[in-house]
Amino acid sequence: MAVSVHGEPNPSAVVAINANAIRKWLPLYRDQSAVELPAFVPLRASPKRPTEALAIIELSVGEQTVTVKWPTSDPEDCARFVRELAQ
């Protein structure tokens, strides 16, 4: 049976430890305190690609609403799209 770090059974982990090795290690390490590990390890996560600011435009067409998300770096094409959509 595999055991997790906290002592609970962990059937997903496969660990093969020789019983003779455990009998040898127990007297050597029995009186030593366990190393404290942090509960949280901070990581620096970066986005896969830079996020671009979006213009969000909601257009009501009868009882339906159309939401358009357009990059703010392209205002001319956004205006053209909205004008064509409104015709």
Protein backbone atom coordinates (compact mmCIF):
# COMPACT_ATOMS: atom_id res chain seq x y z
CA MET A 1 0.00 0.00 0.00
CA ALA A 2 1.27 3.45 -0.85
CA VAL A 3 1.03 6.18 1.75
CA SER A 4 0.82 9.92 1.07
CA VAL A 5 2.91 12.56 2.82
CA HIS A 6 0.22 13.01 5.49
CA GLY A 7 -0.11 9.28 6.23
CA GLU A 8 -3.41 8.55 4.48
CA PRO A 9 -3.56 5.61 2.06
CA ASN A 10 -2.97 6.76 -1.51
CA PRO A 11 -3.84 4.06 -4.07
CA SER A 12 -2.78 6.26 -7.00
CA ALA A 13 0.87 6.38 -5.90
CA VAL A 14 3.05 3.38 -6.59
CA VAL A 15 5.96 3.05 -4.20
CA ALA A 16 8.10 -0.03 -3.76
CA ILE A 17 10.16 0.10 -0.58
CA ASN A 18 12.00 -2.91 0.70
CA ALA A 19 10.90 -3.82 4.25
CA ASN A 20 14.54 -4.53 5.20
CA ALA A 21 15.48 -0.98 4.21
CA ILE A 22 12.72 0.41 6.44
CA ARG A 23 13.92 -1.70 9.39
CA LYS A 24 17.42 -0.31 8.82
CA TRP A 25 16.26 3.34 8.54
CA LEU A 26 13.88 3.38 11.53
CA PRO A 27 16.54 3.31 14.26
CA LEU A 28 18.61 5.92 12.41
CA TYR A 29 15.85 8.49 11.93
CA ARG A 30 13.28 7.66 14.66
CA ASP A 31 14.31 10.46 17.04
CA GLN A 32 14.75 13.17 14.40
CA SER A 33 12.01 15.72 13.82
CA ALA A 34 10.32 15.85 10.46
CA VAL A 35 11.19 18.72 8.15
CA GLU A 36 8.40 21.29 8.01
CA LEU A 37 7.25 21.98 4.49
CA PRO A 38 5.28 25.10 3.59
CA ALA A 39 1.59 24.54 2.98
CA PHE A 40 1.70 26.94 0.04
CA VAL A 41 4.47 27.34 -2.50
CA PRO A 42 4.13 30.66 -4.37
CA LEU A 43 4.53 30.50 -8.13
CA ARG A 44 4.86 33.28 -10.64
CA ALA A 45 2.28 32.66 -13.30
CA SER A 46 2.33 34.65 -16.48
CA PRO A 47 -0.39 34.71 -19.10
CA LYS A 48 0.28 32.73 -22.25
CA ARG A 49 -0.29 35.85 -24.30
CA PRO A 50 -0.77 39.46 -23.30
CA THR A 51 -4.38 40.40 -22.79
CA GLU A 52 -5.70 43.24 -24.91
CA ALA A 53 -8.30 45.73 -23.79
CA LEU A 54 -11.71 45.10 -25.34
CA ALA A 55 -14.58 47.40 -26.20
CA ILE A 56 -17.82 45.67 -25.24
CA ILE A 57 -20.83 46.85 -27.21
CA GLU A 58 -24.36 45.59 -26.56
CA LEU A 59 -26.90 46.09 -29.33
CA SER A 60 -30.60 45.51 -28.77
CA VAL A 61 -32.36 43.99 -31.77
CA GLY A 62 -36.02 43.56 -30.93
CA GLU A 63 -36.14 41.32 -27.85
CA GLN A 64 -32.62 40.00 -28.41
CA THR A 65 -29.30 41.52 -27.39
CA VAL A 66 -26.13 41.11 -29.42
CA THR A 67 -22.87 41.56 -27.52
CA VAL A 68 -19.75 42.42 -29.52
CA LYS A 69 -16.28 42.33 -27.98
CA TRP A 70 -13.78 44.17 -30.13
CA PRO A 71 -10.10 45.00 -29.46
CA THR A 72 -9.61 48.68 -28.65
CA SER A 73 -6.53 48.72 -30.85
CA ASP A 74 -8.80 48.58 -33.93
CA PRO A 75 -11.49 51.27 -33.51
CA GLU A 76 -11.94 51.94 -37.25
CA ASP A 77 -12.94 48.36 -38.07
CA CYS A 78 -15.17 48.22 -34.99
CA ALA A 79 -17.03 51.34 -36.13
CA ARG A 80 -17.34 49.91 -39.65
CA PHE A 81 -18.72 46.62 -38.25
CA VAL A 82 -21.31 48.39 -36.08
CA ARG A 83 -22.41 50.63 -38.97
CA GLU A 84 -22.84 47.62 -41.29
CA LEU A 85 -24.67 45.70 -38.58
CA ALA A 86 -27.06 48.61 -38.00
CA GLN A 87 -28.10 48.85 -41.68
